[in-house]
Structure formats: C-alpha cells, structure tokens
Amino acid sequence: MTTNHFSRVAPVAKKYAAILFDLDGTLIDSTAAVIAHWKQFGKDYGIDPALILATSHGRRTIDTLKQWKPELANMDYVREVEGRIPKEHAADAKELPGTRTLVSSLDKAGAKWAIVTSGTSALAEPWVKLMGLPRPEVFVTADKVANGKPDPEGYLLAREQLGLSKTAEPLADVLVVEDAPAGIRAGKAAGCDVLALLTTHSREVVEAAGADFVVEDLESVEWLGKDEDGVLLLINPTPPPTASVGINLINEAVPN
C-alpha cells in the first residue's frame, strides 16, 4: 500500500506516468447547476432535495437514482436529464483556479492525461466545450463503466486506454486529482496517488477518504516538464491551520 502524505507541508516534486482528473469540483465548478437540477427533481417527486444533495456529489446520477427513485434509474433517462443541465444552467458553471494552466500544459506537451467523471458524456462533454478547455483523448464518463465511484473501474479503464497497466500494480505511477470522498477512494483502489482539492469538502473529509496530498486548488500544482518517463509536477500542499511550512523540497521521482 502507498503511504498517505497529507501531513506534509513542504513542496514535493514527483514524476507521474499520467494524470487523471475528476471533472466537477476539480476542473470546473457546476455546483449551482447541479443543485438547481436536484432541487427541481426533489420538488417533482416529493423528495427532500437536501437528502439527495447529501448523497449525490461524486457519484453517478444513475447510482443516486437507484437510491431515491429506482424506477428512473436507467441510462437513457440519465442522459436525457443530464444533457439539459449545461443548456439550461450554462451561466452557473465556472472554471476552477489553476485548471487551464495545468491541463493546457499537459495537452500541449502531449502528456498522458484523462478525465474520469461520474457524469455521462451528455453532461461532461458540453461542460468542457463550454469552458473552452482542452479535451483529452481519454475521456471516461458514467455511461462507459458498469460501476461508478468509489469503485475503481473508471480510473482503471483510463489507465488501460492510456496504455498503462490496468491492474493496481505498480502503485503510484499515476496521479488522480479529485475533490470528493467517493473519487478519492476510487483512485486509491486503482493503486494511484491521489491529490485532493479543498474545493468542495473539508480537509478532515478528504484526509479520511485517504488522500495522499491536500491542496486548496490546482494553483498549488506547478508543471515542471515532461520527459520519456512522464510528467514532473511540483505539489505545494496546503498546510493545516496549525502547521508551519518547511522549505525543503522532497524529490520523489517515480519510474514509469
């Protein structure tokens, strides 16, 4: 097993064969749009929206429906309703800090990177297009897997499609970037290092889920370059309120 590193406060330079990003809450913030959707859904079907929202983030809509309205839990319905969200709530979504700089650097360098999201292609593809962000060649959506997060299937599929091992070995050659506990657990179950953003949940929540590194947002991750072995990043962990930040750089180049 890998060791959790979230107690570190000094910068860490580390090389990865590939970077796998969650989408909502990681690269973009469509929280307002999703809340509006589930509030209307709750109103339509007599379910307290607060209960739905407490269980929906980071999970596929079809899995949320299985819990609250199982008769609607089919992918055709999910694609139809999710496809409406970007059209009806485009103004409610925004790009998160640091997103464009990092993914543009990865894309321009021809690095291996992917998006692995709990949204269907009908939801995720329009969001990326509306934000004007680069689209990775490997884009794993909810309708491409049988099991959603926290199951590691999506991240294992992305590794395989990028030409990397589909198994959980070797550990930590891939970095997963997430914001939600379900996604963090999925990344760890896939044998990856996980960098958690404090864009949605508290430090206590993401640490409890098993995050290796904790940062405020992607502005805390610097692109250092790419070679034949992978991508070198400088991770600047966000210290806990009581921590004092050191100045030593910890180099952990991980071979492909």
C-alpha atoms as a PDB file:
ATOM      1  CA  MET A   1       0.000   0.000   0.000  1.00  0.00           C
ATOM      2  CA  THR A   2       1.081   3.584  -0.558  1.00  0.00           C
ATOM      3  CA  THR A   3       1.597   5.881   2.386  1.00  0.00           C
ATOM      4  CA  ASN A   4      -0.627   8.901   2.873  1.00  0.00           C
ATOM      5  CA  HIS A   5       1.410  12.101   2.675  1.00  0.00           C
ATOM      6  CA  PHE A   6      -1.177  14.702   3.640  1.00  0.00           C
ATOM      7  CA  SER A   7       0.743  15.659   6.790  1.00  0.00           C
ATOM      8  CA  ARG A   8       3.489  17.111   4.618  1.00  0.00           C
ATOM      9  CA  VAL A   9       3.609  20.853   4.215  1.00  0.00           C
ATOM     10  CA  ALA A  10       6.834  21.246   2.215  1.00  0.00           C
ATOM     11  CA  PRO A  11       6.680  21.252  -1.611  1.00  0.00           C
ATOM     12  CA  VAL A  12       7.014  17.845  -3.272  1.00  0.00           C
ATOM     13  CA  ALA A  13       8.422  17.273  -6.759  1.00  0.00           C
ATOM     14  CA  LYS A  14       7.160  14.000  -8.176  1.00  0.00           C
ATOM     15  CA  LYS A  15       7.043  12.323 -11.565  1.00  0.00           C
ATOM     16  CA  TYR A  16       3.966  10.503 -12.860  1.00  0.00           C
ATOM     17  CA  ALA A  17       3.318   8.469 -15.985  1.00  0.00           C
ATOM     18  CA  ALA A  18      -0.137  10.034 -16.293  1.00  0.00           C
ATOM     19  CA  ILE A  19      -2.551  12.426 -14.597  1.00  0.00           C
ATOM     20  CA  LEU A  20      -6.246  11.511 -14.255  1.00  0.00           C
ATOM     21  CA  PHE A  21      -8.687  14.273 -13.374  1.00  0.00           C
ATOM     22  CA  ASP A  22     -12.173  14.219 -11.993  1.00  0.00           C
ATOM     23  CA  LEU A  23     -14.257  16.950 -13.653  1.00  0.00           C
ATOM     24  CA  ASP A  24     -16.846  18.640 -11.446  1.00  0.00           C
ATOM     25  CA  GLY A  25     -15.343  20.150  -8.324  1.00  0.00           C
ATOM     26  CA  THR A  26     -11.858  19.523  -9.703  1.00  0.00           C
ATOM     27  CA  LEU A  27     -11.552  21.255 -13.085  1.00  0.00           C
ATOM     28  CA  ILE A  28     -14.862  23.108 -13.104  1.00  0.00           C
ATOM     29  CA  ASP A  29     -17.494  24.068 -10.558  1.00  0.00           C
ATOM     30  CA  SER A  30     -21.050  23.397 -11.694  1.00  0.00           C
ATOM     31  CA  THR A  31     -22.357  23.099  -8.136  1.00  0.00           C
ATOM     32  CA  ALA A  32     -25.047  25.738  -8.630  1.00  0.00           C
ATOM     33  CA  ALA A  33     -26.299  23.994 -11.769  1.00  0.00           C
ATOM     34  CA  VAL A  34     -26.391  20.581 -10.096  1.00  0.00           C
ATOM     35  CA  ILE A  35     -28.144  21.955  -7.008  1.00  0.00           C
ATOM     36  CA  ALA A  36     -30.773  23.585  -9.205  1.00  0.00           C
ATOM     37  CA  HIS A  37     -31.296  20.287 -11.032  1.00  0.00           C
ATOM     38  CA  TRP A  38     -31.710  18.189  -7.876  1.00  0.00           C
ATOM     39  CA  LYS A  39     -33.919  20.784  -6.193  1.00  0.00           C
ATOM     40  CA  GLN A  40     -36.313  20.622  -9.121  1.00  0.00           C
ATOM     41  CA  PHE A  41     -36.113  16.827  -9.159  1.00  0.00           C
ATOM     42  CA  GLY A  42     -36.935  16.674  -5.442  1.00  0.00           C
ATOM     43  CA  LYS A  43     -39.853  19.044  -5.916  1.00  0.00           C
ATOM     44  CA  ASP A  44     -41.195  16.995  -8.832  1.00  0.00           C
ATOM     45  CA  TYR A  45     -41.022  13.689  -6.962  1.00  0.00           C
ATOM     46  CA  GLY A  46     -41.654  14.727  -3.359  1.00  0.00           C
ATOM     47  CA  ILE A  47     -38.136  14.036  -2.087  1.00  0.00           C
ATOM     48  CA  ASP A  48     -36.240  16.407   0.186  1.00  0.00           C
ATOM     49  CA  PRO A  49     -33.508  17.886  -2.076  1.00  0.00           C
ATOM     50  CA  ALA A  50     -31.172  18.186   0.915  1.00  0.00           C
ATOM     51  CA  LEU A  51     -31.187  14.409   1.286  1.00  0.00           C
ATOM     52  CA  ILE A  52     -30.412  13.925  -2.398  1.00  0.00           C
ATOM     53  CA  LEU A  53     -27.632  16.518  -2.400  1.00  0.00           C
ATOM     54  CA  ALA A  54     -26.045  14.951   0.672  1.00  0.00           C
ATOM     55  CA  THR A  55     -25.557  11.701  -1.243  1.00  0.00           C
ATOM     56  CA  SER A  56     -25.073  12.759  -4.871  1.00  0.00           C
ATOM     57  CA  HIS A  57     -21.727  14.560  -5.175  1.00  0.00           C
ATOM     58  CA  GLY A  58     -19.013  12.483  -6.790  1.00  0.00           C
ATOM     59  CA  ARG A  59     -21.460   9.710  -7.665  1.00  0.00           C
ATOM     60  CA  ARG A  60     -23.146   8.843 -10.942  1.00  0.00           C
ATOM     61  CA  THR A  61     -26.684  10.136 -11.336  1.00  0.00           C
ATOM     62  CA  ILE A  62     -27.851   6.595 -12.039  1.00  0.00           C
ATOM     63  CA  ASP A  63     -26.500   5.479  -8.652  1.00  0.00           C
ATOM     64  CA  THR A  64     -28.236   8.393  -6.918  1.00  0.00           C
ATOM     65  CA  LEU A  65     -31.473   7.473  -8.689  1.00  0.00           C
ATOM     66  CA  LYS A  66     -31.136   3.854  -7.567  1.00  0.00           C
ATOM     67  CA  GLN A  67     -31.193   5.161  -4.018  1.00  0.00           C
ATOM     68  CA  TRP A  68     -34.005   7.720  -4.312  1.00  0.00           C
ATOM     69  CA  LYS A  69     -36.101   6.859  -7.386  1.00  0.00           C
ATOM     70  CA  PRO A  70     -35.094   3.394  -8.628  1.00  0.00           C
ATOM     71  CA  GLU A  71     -37.788   3.214 -11.300  1.00  0.00           C
ATOM     72  CA  LEU A  72     -35.994   6.056 -13.130  1.00  0.00           C
ATOM     73  CA  ALA A  73     -32.543   4.511 -12.811  1.00  0.00           C
ATOM     74  CA  ASN A  74     -31.785   3.808 -16.452  1.00  0.00           C
ATOM     75  CA  MET A  75     -29.079   5.340 -18.616  1.00  0.00           C
ATOM     76  CA  ASP A  76     -31.448   6.681 -21.279  1.00  0.00           C
ATOM     77  CA  TYR A  77     -33.236   8.802 -18.672  1.00  0.00           C
ATOM     78  CA  VAL A  78     -29.933   9.907 -17.135  1.00  0.00           C
ATOM     79  CA  ARG A  79     -28.532  11.032 -20.492  1.00  0.00           C
ATOM     80  CA  GLU A  80     -31.721  12.946 -21.241  1.00  0.00           C
ATOM     81  CA  VAL A  81     -31.825  14.882 -17.963  1.00  0.00           C
ATOM     82  CA  GLU A  82     -28.070  15.440 -17.733  1.00  0.00           C
ATOM     83  CA  GLY A  83     -28.000  16.695 -21.299  1.00  0.00           C
ATOM     84  CA  ARG A  84     -30.345  19.511 -20.291  1.00  0.00           C
ATOM     85  CA  ILE A  85     -28.186  20.795 -17.431  1.00  0.00           C
ATOM     86  CA  PRO A  86     -25.446  22.548 -19.465  1.00  0.00           C
ATOM     87  CA  LYS A  87     -28.080  24.012 -21.792  1.00  0.00           C
ATOM     88  CA  GLU A  88     -30.274  25.366 -19.013  1.00  0.00           C
ATOM     89  CA  HIS A  89     -27.597  26.325 -16.470  1.00  0.00           C
ATOM     90  CA  ALA A  90     -24.519  27.284 -18.503  1.00  0.00           C
ATOM     91  CA  ALA A  91     -24.174  30.573 -16.623  1.00  0.00           C
ATOM     92  CA  ASP A  92     -23.995  28.692 -13.308  1.00  0.00           C
ATOM     93  CA  ALA A  93     -20.726  26.887 -14.101  1.00  0.00           C
ATOM     94  CA  LYS A  94     -17.191  28.228 -13.831  1.00  0.00           C
ATOM     95  CA  GLU A  95     -13.623  27.109 -14.348  1.00  0.00           C
ATOM     96  CA  LEU A  96     -11.714  26.479 -11.121  1.00  0.00           C
ATOM     97  CA  PRO A  97      -8.398  28.241 -10.353  1.00  0.00           C
ATOM     98  CA  GLY A  98      -5.338  26.665 -11.934  1.00  0.00           C
ATOM     99  CA  THR A  99      -7.297  24.401 -14.266  1.00  0.00           C
ATOM    100  CA  ARG A 100      -6.464  25.973 -17.616  1.00  0.00           C
ATOM    101  CA  THR A 101      -2.759  26.415 -16.917  1.00  0.00           C
ATOM    102  CA  LEU A 102      -2.203  22.804 -15.876  1.00  0.00           C
ATOM    103  CA  VAL A 103      -4.354  20.960 -18.419  1.00  0.00           C
ATOM    104  CA  SER A 104      -3.120  23.190 -21.256  1.00  0.00           C
ATOM    105  CA  SER A 105       0.481  22.380 -20.302  1.00  0.00           C
ATOM    106  CA  LEU A 106      -0.296  18.662 -20.279  1.00  0.00           C
ATOM    107  CA  ASP A 107      -2.139  18.843 -23.580  1.00  0.00           C
ATOM    108  CA  LYS A 108       0.471  20.917 -25.416  1.00  0.00           C
ATOM    109  CA  ALA A 109       3.283  18.647 -24.250  1.00  0.00           C
ATOM    110  CA  GLY A 110       1.490  15.520 -25.438  1.00  0.00           C
ATOM    111  CA  ALA A 111       1.475  14.140 -21.906  1.00  0.00           C
ATOM    112  CA  LYS A 112      -0.771  11.271 -20.877  1.00  0.00           C
ATOM    113  CA  TRP A 113      -3.823  12.667 -19.140  1.00  0.00           C
ATOM    114  CA  ALA A 114      -7.514  11.883 -18.922  1.00  0.00           C
ATOM    115  CA  ILE A 115     -10.809  12.945 -17.407  1.00  0.00           C
ATOM    116  CA  VAL A 116     -12.723  10.366 -15.360  1.00  0.00           C
ATOM    117  CA  THR A 117     -16.111  11.702 -14.324  1.00  0.00           C
ATOM    118  CA  SER A 118     -19.320  10.496 -12.713  1.00  0.00           C
ATOM    119  CA  GLY A 119     -21.289  12.463 -15.311  1.00  0.00           C
ATOM    120  CA  THR A 120     -22.472  10.984 -18.587  1.00  0.00           C
ATOM    121  CA  SER A 121     -20.998  12.133 -21.888  1.00  0.00           C
ATOM    122  CA  ALA A 122     -24.189  14.172 -22.398  1.00  0.00           C
ATOM    123  CA  LEU A 123     -23.243  16.230 -19.331  1.00  0.00           C
ATOM    124  CA  ALA A 124     -19.446  16.201 -19.250  1.00  0.00           C
ATOM    125  CA  GLU A 125     -18.592  16.851 -22.899  1.00  0.00           C
ATOM    126  CA  PRO A 126     -20.692  20.063 -23.129  1.00  0.00           C
ATOM    127  CA  TRP A 127     -19.181  21.409 -19.888  1.00  0.00           C
ATOM    128  CA  VAL A 128     -15.634  21.008 -21.230  1.00  0.00           C
ATOM    129  CA  LYS A 129     -16.639  22.612 -24.518  1.00  0.00           C
ATOM    130  CA  LEU A 130     -18.470  25.496 -22.829  1.00  0.00           C
ATOM    131  CA  MET A 131     -15.422  26.211 -20.658  1.00  0.00           C
ATOM    132  CA  GLY A 132     -13.165  26.171 -23.711  1.00  0.00           C
ATOM    133  CA  LEU A 133     -10.834  23.655 -22.082  1.00  0.00           C
ATOM    134  CA  PRO A 134      -8.669  21.118 -23.926  1.00  0.00           C
ATOM    135  CA  ARG A 135     -10.389  17.775 -24.356  1.00  0.00           C
ATOM    136  CA  PRO A 136      -8.218  14.776 -23.527  1.00  0.00           C
ATOM    137  CA  GLU A 137      -8.126  11.820 -25.877  1.00  0.00           C
ATOM    138  CA  VAL A 138      -9.188   9.570 -22.996  1.00  0.00           C
ATOM    139  CA  PHE A 139     -12.474  10.758 -21.502  1.00  0.00           C
ATOM    140  CA  VAL A 140     -14.189   8.207 -19.245  1.00  0.00           C
ATOM    141  CA  THR A 141     -17.810   9.037 -18.430  1.00  0.00           C
ATOM    142  CA  ALA A 142     -20.520   7.348 -16.359  1.00  0.00           C
ATOM    143  CA  ASP A 143     -22.045   5.636 -19.374  1.00  0.00           C
ATOM    144  CA  LYS A 144     -18.745   3.902 -20.200  1.00  0.00           C
ATOM    145  CA  VAL A 145     -18.465   1.938 -16.948  1.00  0.00           C
ATOM    146  CA  ALA A 146     -20.645  -0.576 -15.153  1.00  0.00           C
ATOM    147  CA  ASN A 147     -19.671   0.628 -11.681  1.00  0.00           C
ATOM    148  CA  GLY A 148     -19.323   4.226 -10.537  1.00  0.00           C
ATOM    149  CA  LYS A 149     -17.009   5.732  -7.933  1.00  0.00           C
ATOM    150  CA  PRO A 150     -15.917   4.665  -5.309  1.00  0.00           C
ATOM    151  CA  ASP A 151     -15.408   1.584  -7.492  1.00  0.00           C
ATOM    152  CA  PRO A 152     -12.040   1.986  -9.281  1.00  0.00           C
ATOM    153  CA  GLU A 153     -13.355   0.815 -12.666  1.00  0.00           C
ATOM    154  CA  GLY A 154     -13.275   4.264 -14.283  1.00  0.00           C
ATOM    155  CA  TYR A 155      -9.704   5.003 -13.245  1.00  0.00           C
ATOM    156  CA  LEU A 156      -8.512   1.519 -14.199  1.00  0.00           C
ATOM    157  CA  LEU A 157     -10.165   1.938 -17.605  1.00  0.00           C
ATOM    158  CA  ALA A 158      -8.420   5.286 -18.116  1.00  0.00           C
ATOM    159  CA  ARG A 159      -5.060   3.729 -17.235  1.00  0.00           C
ATOM    160  CA  GLU A 160      -5.669   0.950 -19.738  1.00  0.00           C
ATOM    161  CA  GLN A 161      -6.741   3.345 -22.508  1.00  0.00           C
ATOM    162  CA  LEU A 162      -3.610   5.420 -21.898  1.00  0.00           C
ATOM    163  CA  GLY A 163      -1.505   2.310 -22.432  1.00  0.00           C
ATOM    164  CA  LEU A 164      -0.695   1.767 -18.764  1.00  0.00           C
ATOM    165  CA  SER A 165      -1.297  -1.219 -16.522  1.00  0.00           C
ATOM    166  CA  LYS A 166      -4.961  -1.855 -15.762  1.00  0.00           C
ATOM    167  CA  THR A 167      -4.057  -3.646 -12.546  1.00  0.00           C
ATOM    168  CA  ALA A 168      -3.319  -1.923  -9.252  1.00  0.00           C
ATOM    169  CA  GLU A 169       0.413  -2.597  -9.736  1.00  0.00           C
ATOM    170  CA  PRO A 170       2.782  -0.820  -9.945  1.00  0.00           C
ATOM    171  CA  LEU A 171       1.428   1.520  -7.321  1.00  0.00           C
ATOM    172  CA  ALA A 172       1.524   5.289  -7.565  1.00  0.00           C
ATOM    173  CA  ASP A 173       2.762   5.636 -11.156  1.00  0.00           C
ATOM    174  CA  VAL A 174      -0.394   7.636 -11.868  1.00  0.00           C
ATOM    175  CA  LEU A 175      -1.812  10.684 -10.083  1.00  0.00           C
ATOM    176  CA  VAL A 176      -5.563  11.018  -9.603  1.00  0.00           C
ATOM    177  CA  VAL A 177      -6.870  14.531  -8.900  1.00  0.00           C
ATOM    178  CA  GLU A 178     -10.183  14.567  -7.025  1.00  0.00           C
ATOM    179  CA  ASP A 179     -12.383  16.597  -4.699  1.00  0.00           C
ATOM    180  CA  ALA A 180     -14.930  14.074  -3.397  1.00  0.00           C
ATOM    181  CA  PRO A 181     -14.536  11.152  -0.974  1.00  0.00           C
ATOM    182  CA  ALA A 182     -16.008   8.648  -3.442  1.00  0.00           C
ATOM    183  CA  GLY A 183     -13.493   9.679  -6.098  1.00  0.00           C
ATOM    184  CA  ILE A 184     -10.578   9.677  -3.674  1.00  0.00           C
ATOM    185  CA  ARG A 185     -11.428   6.138  -2.607  1.00  0.00           C
ATOM    186  CA  ALA A 186     -11.750   5.109  -6.262  1.00  0.00           C
ATOM    187  CA  GLY A 187      -8.312   6.499  -7.054  1.00  0.00           C
ATOM    188  CA  LYS A 188      -6.720   4.727  -4.108  1.00  0.00           C
ATOM    189  CA  ALA A 189      -8.463   1.468  -5.023  1.00  0.00           C
ATOM    190  CA  ALA A 190      -6.981   1.827  -8.528  1.00  0.00           C
ATOM    191  CA  GLY A 191      -3.497   1.913  -6.999  1.00  0.00           C
ATOM    192  CA  CYS A 192      -2.860   5.601  -7.693  1.00  0.00           C
ATOM    193  CA  ASP A 193      -1.572   8.502  -5.664  1.00  0.00           C
ATOM    194  CA  VAL A 194      -4.480  10.871  -5.009  1.00  0.00           C
ATOM    195  CA  LEU A 195      -4.260  14.634  -4.766  1.00  0.00           C
ATOM    196  CA  ALA A 196      -7.377  16.096  -3.128  1.00  0.00           C
ATOM    197  CA  LEU A 197      -8.614  19.631  -3.692  1.00  0.00           C
ATOM    198  CA  LEU A 198     -10.339  21.578  -0.927  1.00  0.00           C
ATOM    199  CA  THR A 199     -12.872  22.954  -3.404  1.00  0.00           C
ATOM    200  CA  THR A 200     -15.872  21.019  -2.107  1.00  0.00           C
ATOM    201  CA  HIS A 201     -15.115  19.188   1.139  1.00  0.00           C
ATOM    202  CA  SER A 202     -13.159  19.919   4.298  1.00  0.00           C
ATOM    203  CA  ARG A 203      -9.609  18.755   4.964  1.00  0.00           C
ATOM    204  CA  GLU A 204     -10.902  16.261   7.531  1.00  0.00           C
ATOM    205  CA  VAL A 205     -13.215  14.664   4.973  1.00  0.00           C
ATOM    206  CA  VAL A 206     -10.639  14.267   2.184  1.00  0.00           C
ATOM    207  CA  GLU A 207      -7.957  13.039   4.583  1.00  0.00           C
ATOM    208  CA  ALA A 208     -10.355  10.449   5.992  1.00  0.00           C
ATOM    209  CA  ALA A 209     -11.010   9.230   2.434  1.00  0.00           C
ATOM    210  CA  GLY A 210      -7.293   8.512   2.005  1.00  0.00           C
ATOM    211  CA  ALA A 211      -5.846  11.447   0.036  1.00  0.00           C
ATOM    212  CA  ASP A 212      -2.048  11.438  -0.307  1.00  0.00           C
ATOM    213  CA  PHE A 213      -1.772  15.193  -0.863  1.00  0.00           C
ATOM    214  CA  VAL A 214      -4.172  18.020   0.004  1.00  0.00           C
ATOM    215  CA  VAL A 215      -4.158  21.380  -1.792  1.00  0.00           C
ATOM    216  CA  GLU A 216      -6.523  24.323  -1.983  1.00  0.00           C
ATOM    217  CA  ASP A 217      -6.911  24.095  -5.770  1.00  0.00           C
ATOM    218  CA  LEU A 218      -4.833  23.478  -8.901  1.00  0.00           C
ATOM    219  CA  GLU A 219      -2.961  26.745  -8.485  1.00  0.00           C
ATOM    220  CA  SER A 220      -0.981  24.768  -5.902  1.00  0.00           C
ATOM    221  CA  VAL A 221       0.257  22.344  -8.585  1.00  0.00           C
ATOM    222  CA  GLU A 222       3.058  23.514 -10.885  1.00  0.00           C
ATOM    223  CA  TRP A 223       4.043  21.975 -14.213  1.00  0.00           C
ATOM    224  CA  LEU A 224       7.809  21.367 -14.283  1.00  0.00           C
ATOM    225  CA  GLY A 225       8.072  19.499 -17.563  1.00  0.00           C
ATOM    226  CA  LYS A 226       7.845  16.149 -19.333  1.00  0.00           C
ATOM    227  CA  ASP A 227      10.306  13.505 -20.465  1.00  0.00           C
ATOM    228  CA  GLU A 228      10.060   9.945 -21.723  1.00  0.00           C
ATOM    229  CA  ASP A 229       9.251   8.702 -18.223  1.00  0.00           C
ATOM    230  CA  GLY A 230       6.325  11.006 -17.574  1.00  0.00           C
ATOM    231  CA  VAL A 231       5.285  14.343 -16.158  1.00  0.00           C
ATOM    232  CA  LEU A 232       7.123  16.151 -13.372  1.00  0.00           C
ATOM    233  CA  LEU A 233       4.923  18.209 -11.070  1.00  0.00           C
ATOM    234  CA  LEU A 234       5.630  20.393  -8.069  1.00  0.00           C
ATOM    235  CA  ILE A 235       2.900  19.917  -5.479  1.00  0.00           C
ATOM    236  CA  ASN A 236       2.590  22.645  -2.862  1.00  0.00           C
ATOM    237  CA  PRO A 237       0.448  21.109  -0.100  1.00  0.00           C
ATOM    238  CA  THR A 238      -1.935  23.351   1.784  1.00  0.00           C
ATOM    239  CA  PRO A 239      -0.843  23.191   5.426  1.00  0.00           C
ATOM    240  CA  PRO A 240      -3.290  22.518   8.248  1.00  0.00           C
ATOM    241  CA  PRO A 241      -4.133  25.644  10.265  1.00  0.00           C
ATOM    242  CA  THR A 242      -1.610  24.749  12.984  1.00  0.00           C
ATOM    243  CA  ALA A 243       1.220  23.573  10.718  1.00  0.00           C
ATOM    244  CA  SER A 244       4.387  25.508   9.957  1.00  0.00           C
ATOM    245  CA  VAL A 245       5.591  25.254   6.374  1.00  0.00           C
ATOM    246  CA  GLY A 246       9.094  23.917   5.789  1.00  0.00           C
ATOM    247  CA  ILE A 247      11.332  24.945   2.930  1.00  0.00           C
ATOM    248  CA  ASN A 248      12.910  21.640   1.913  1.00  0.00           C
ATOM    249  CA  LEU A 249      11.890  20.164  -1.421  1.00  0.00           C
ATOM    250  CA  ILE A 250      11.207  16.437  -1.320  1.00  0.00           C
ATOM    251  CA  ASN A 251      12.009  14.809  -4.666  1.00  0.00           C
ATOM    252  CA  GLU A 252      10.197  11.549  -5.335  1.00  0.00           C
ATOM    253  CA  ALA A 253      10.685  10.752  -8.989  1.00  0.00           C
ATOM    254  CA  VAL A 254       8.696   7.584  -9.618  1.00  0.00           C
ATOM    255  CA  PRO A 255       9.822   5.480 -12.601  1.00  0.00           C
ATOM    256  CA  ASN A 256       7.285   4.543 -15.202  1.00  0.00           C
END
